[in-house]
Amino acid sequence: MSGATTNAFAGTPEPPYYAVIFTTQRTEVDDGYGAMADFMVELASQQPGFLGVESVRDASGFGITVSYWASQEAIAAWREHAQHRVARDTGRKKWYERFETRVARVERMSGGP
């Protein structure tokens, strides 16, 4: 992710599943952000119930990351993961000017070329 954009669709299964939508406005502080963002994606991908992630960030620092999970229990376990907690606390203190997290149940999906 490198704190920037991943140009790939998450390979999610047929619904239902859950989406965690993390919307952020970055501060001017970098100080390891890209490395931590990459590590969080790698670590999340090793967690039970993780289905995929999609992330974009524009030049102004506004970004949206959507991670997909099999269940609310998997989301709760990720939220409480010790290394994820450290990353969240650091983000609140220095990397994010503003952030919001939303959780939604995906009921259907469609797409095309």
C-alpha atoms as a PDB file:
ATOM      1  CA  MET A   1       0.000   0.000   0.000  1.00  0.00           C
ATOM      2  CA  SER A   2       2.894   2.371   0.707  1.00  0.00           C
ATOM      3  CA  GLY A   3       0.457   4.857   2.157  1.00  0.00           C
ATOM      4  CA  ALA A   4      -0.724   5.575  -1.377  1.00  0.00           C
ATOM      5  CA  THR A   5      -2.874   3.656  -3.824  1.00  0.00           C
ATOM      6  CA  THR A   6      -3.372  -0.040  -4.445  1.00  0.00           C
ATOM      7  CA  ASN A   7      -4.594  -0.624  -7.975  1.00  0.00           C
ATOM      8  CA  ALA A   8      -6.361  -3.905  -7.432  1.00  0.00           C
ATOM      9  CA  PHE A   9      -9.853  -5.081  -6.697  1.00  0.00           C
ATOM     10  CA  ALA A  10     -10.201  -7.236  -3.601  1.00  0.00           C
ATOM     11  CA  GLY A  11     -11.152 -10.783  -4.526  1.00  0.00           C
ATOM     12  CA  THR A  12     -14.164 -11.090  -2.255  1.00  0.00           C
ATOM     13  CA  PRO A  13     -16.502 -14.090  -2.108  1.00  0.00           C
ATOM     14  CA  GLU A  14     -20.230 -14.038  -2.690  1.00  0.00           C
ATOM     15  CA  PRO A  15     -22.012 -11.911  -0.052  1.00  0.00           C
ATOM     16  CA  PRO A  16     -22.847 -11.587   2.696  1.00  0.00           C
ATOM     17  CA  TYR A  17     -19.660 -10.317   4.301  1.00  0.00           C
ATOM     18  CA  TYR A  18     -18.566  -7.086   5.986  1.00  0.00           C
ATOM     19  CA  ALA A  19     -16.729  -3.966   4.852  1.00  0.00           C
ATOM     20  CA  VAL A  20     -14.761  -1.715   7.193  1.00  0.00           C
ATOM     21  CA  ILE A  21     -14.503   1.710   5.555  1.00  0.00           C
ATOM     22  CA  PHE A  22     -11.659   3.800   6.953  1.00  0.00           C
ATOM     23  CA  THR A  23     -11.709   7.387   5.673  1.00  0.00           C
ATOM     24  CA  THR A  24      -8.789   9.639   6.569  1.00  0.00           C
ATOM     25  CA  GLN A  25      -7.196  13.008   6.062  1.00  0.00           C
ATOM     26  CA  ARG A  26      -3.437  12.765   6.519  1.00  0.00           C
ATOM     27  CA  THR A  27      -1.289  15.271   8.382  1.00  0.00           C
ATOM     28  CA  GLU A  28       1.982  16.556   6.921  1.00  0.00           C
ATOM     29  CA  VAL A  29       3.896  14.076   9.135  1.00  0.00           C
ATOM     30  CA  ASP A  30       5.255  11.004   7.334  1.00  0.00           C
ATOM     31  CA  ASP A  31       7.593   9.471   9.944  1.00  0.00           C
ATOM     32  CA  GLY A  32       7.146   5.808   8.980  1.00  0.00           C
ATOM     33  CA  TYR A  33       3.560   5.998   7.745  1.00  0.00           C
ATOM     34  CA  GLY A  34       4.139   4.082   4.499  1.00  0.00           C
ATOM     35  CA  ALA A  35       5.993   1.249   6.195  1.00  0.00           C
ATOM     36  CA  MET A  36       3.310   0.959   8.873  1.00  0.00           C
ATOM     37  CA  ALA A  37       0.507   1.003   6.281  1.00  0.00           C
ATOM     38  CA  ASP A  38       2.213  -1.786   4.332  1.00  0.00           C
ATOM     39  CA  PHE A  39       2.757  -3.788   7.525  1.00  0.00           C
ATOM     40  CA  MET A  40      -0.892  -3.416   8.572  1.00  0.00           C
ATOM     41  CA  VAL A  41      -2.104  -4.765   5.214  1.00  0.00           C
ATOM     42  CA  GLU A  42       0.333  -7.678   5.468  1.00  0.00           C
ATOM     43  CA  LEU A  43      -0.685  -8.397   9.072  1.00  0.00           C
ATOM     44  CA  ALA A  44      -4.421  -8.071   8.371  1.00  0.00           C
ATOM     45  CA  SER A  45      -4.111 -10.500   5.466  1.00  0.00           C
ATOM     46  CA  GLN A  46      -2.877 -13.140   7.931  1.00  0.00           C
ATOM     47  CA  GLN A  47      -5.908 -12.775  10.234  1.00  0.00           C
ATOM     48  CA  PRO A  48      -8.765 -15.288  10.229  1.00  0.00           C
ATOM     49  CA  GLY A  49     -11.741 -13.904   8.323  1.00  0.00           C
ATOM     50  CA  PHE A  50      -9.786 -11.330   6.271  1.00  0.00           C
ATOM     51  CA  LEU A  51     -11.061 -11.258   2.682  1.00  0.00           C
ATOM     52  CA  GLY A  52      -9.190  -8.382   1.020  1.00  0.00           C
ATOM     53  CA  VAL A  53      -8.492  -4.661   0.931  1.00  0.00           C
ATOM     54  CA  GLU A  54      -8.808  -1.734  -1.484  1.00  0.00           C
ATOM     55  CA  SER A  55      -7.185   1.618  -0.815  1.00  0.00           C
ATOM     56  CA  VAL A  56      -6.770   5.007  -2.502  1.00  0.00           C
ATOM     57  CA  ARG A  57      -5.301   8.349  -1.458  1.00  0.00           C
ATOM     58  CA  ASP A  58      -5.274  11.622  -3.404  1.00  0.00           C
ATOM     59  CA  ALA A  59      -2.611  14.323  -3.560  1.00  0.00           C
ATOM     60  CA  SER A  60      -4.263  16.315  -0.754  1.00  0.00           C
ATOM     61  CA  GLY A  61      -3.871  13.389   1.660  1.00  0.00           C
ATOM     62  CA  PHE A  62      -7.539  12.336   1.633  1.00  0.00           C
ATOM     63  CA  GLY A  63      -7.827   8.556   1.553  1.00  0.00           C
ATOM     64  CA  ILE A  64     -10.265   5.690   1.788  1.00  0.00           C
ATOM     65  CA  THR A  65      -9.314   2.126   2.690  1.00  0.00           C
ATOM     66  CA  VAL A  66     -11.949  -0.592   2.618  1.00  0.00           C
ATOM     67  CA  SER A  67     -11.092  -3.905   4.214  1.00  0.00           C
ATOM     68  CA  TYR A  68     -13.413  -6.865   3.792  1.00  0.00           C
ATOM     69  CA  TRP A  69     -14.105  -9.434   6.503  1.00  0.00           C
ATOM     70  CA  ALA A  70     -16.089 -12.652   6.797  1.00  0.00           C
ATOM     71  CA  SER A  71     -17.747 -11.738  10.102  1.00  0.00           C
ATOM     72  CA  GLN A  72     -18.174  -9.119  12.795  1.00  0.00           C
ATOM     73  CA  GLU A  73     -16.142 -11.387  15.095  1.00  0.00           C
ATOM     74  CA  ALA A  74     -13.194 -11.246  12.682  1.00  0.00           C
ATOM     75  CA  ILE A  75     -13.454  -7.436  12.628  1.00  0.00           C
ATOM     76  CA  ALA A  76     -13.519  -7.310  16.431  1.00  0.00           C
ATOM     77  CA  ALA A  77     -10.460  -9.573  16.678  1.00  0.00           C
ATOM     78  CA  TRP A  78      -8.566  -7.342  14.234  1.00  0.00           C
ATOM     79  CA  ARG A  79      -9.607  -4.222  16.149  1.00  0.00           C
ATOM     80  CA  GLU A  80      -8.110  -5.722  19.317  1.00  0.00           C
ATOM     81  CA  HIS A  81      -4.930  -7.103  17.733  1.00  0.00           C
ATOM     82  CA  ALA A  82      -1.980  -5.671  19.716  1.00  0.00           C
ATOM     83  CA  GLN A  83       0.046  -4.436  16.727  1.00  0.00           C
ATOM     84  CA  HIS A  84      -3.035  -2.954  15.089  1.00  0.00           C
ATOM     85  CA  ARG A  85      -3.784  -1.071  18.315  1.00  0.00           C
ATOM     86  CA  VAL A  86      -0.267   0.435  18.271  1.00  0.00           C
ATOM     87  CA  ALA A  87      -0.743   1.544  14.645  1.00  0.00           C
ATOM     88  CA  ARG A  88      -4.167   3.053  15.457  1.00  0.00           C
ATOM     89  CA  ASP A  89      -2.803   4.982  18.435  1.00  0.00           C
ATOM     90  CA  THR A  90       0.131   6.281  16.399  1.00  0.00           C
ATOM     91  CA  GLY A  91      -2.193   7.296  13.568  1.00  0.00           C
ATOM     92  CA  ARG A  92      -4.419   9.245  15.926  1.00  0.00           C
ATOM     93  CA  LYS A  93      -1.429  11.046  17.435  1.00  0.00           C
ATOM     94  CA  LYS A  94       0.546  11.965  14.327  1.00  0.00           C
ATOM     95  CA  TRP A  95      -0.607  10.650  10.931  1.00  0.00           C
ATOM     96  CA  TYR A  96      -4.287  11.617  10.761  1.00  0.00           C
ATOM     97  CA  GLU A  97      -5.785  15.059  10.971  1.00  0.00           C
ATOM     98  CA  ARG A  98      -9.225  13.453  10.853  1.00  0.00           C
ATOM     99  CA  PHE A  99     -10.554   9.918  10.445  1.00  0.00           C
ATOM    100  CA  GLU A 100     -13.807   7.979  10.466  1.00  0.00           C
ATOM    101  CA  THR A 101     -14.457   4.249  10.522  1.00  0.00           C
ATOM    102  CA  ARG A 102     -17.687   2.726   9.295  1.00  0.00           C
ATOM    103  CA  VAL A 103     -18.717  -0.936   9.256  1.00  0.00           C
ATOM    104  CA  ALA A 104     -21.277  -2.191   6.751  1.00  0.00           C
ATOM    105  CA  ARG A 105     -22.707  -5.565   5.815  1.00  0.00           C
ATOM    106  CA  VAL A 106     -22.357  -6.260   2.092  1.00  0.00           C
ATOM    107  CA  GLU A 107     -25.597  -7.814   0.882  1.00  0.00           C
ATOM    108  CA  ARG A 108     -24.902  -7.948  -2.862  1.00  0.00           C
ATOM    109  CA  MET A 109     -22.276  -7.060  -5.404  1.00  0.00           C
ATOM    110  CA  SER A 110     -22.104  -6.710  -9.138  1.00  0.00           C
ATOM    111  CA  GLY A 111     -19.497  -5.646 -11.638  1.00  0.00           C
ATOM    112  CA  GLY A 112     -18.168  -5.876 -15.108  1.00  0.00           C
ATOM    113  CA  PRO A 113     -15.235  -5.086 -17.332  1.00  0.00           C
END
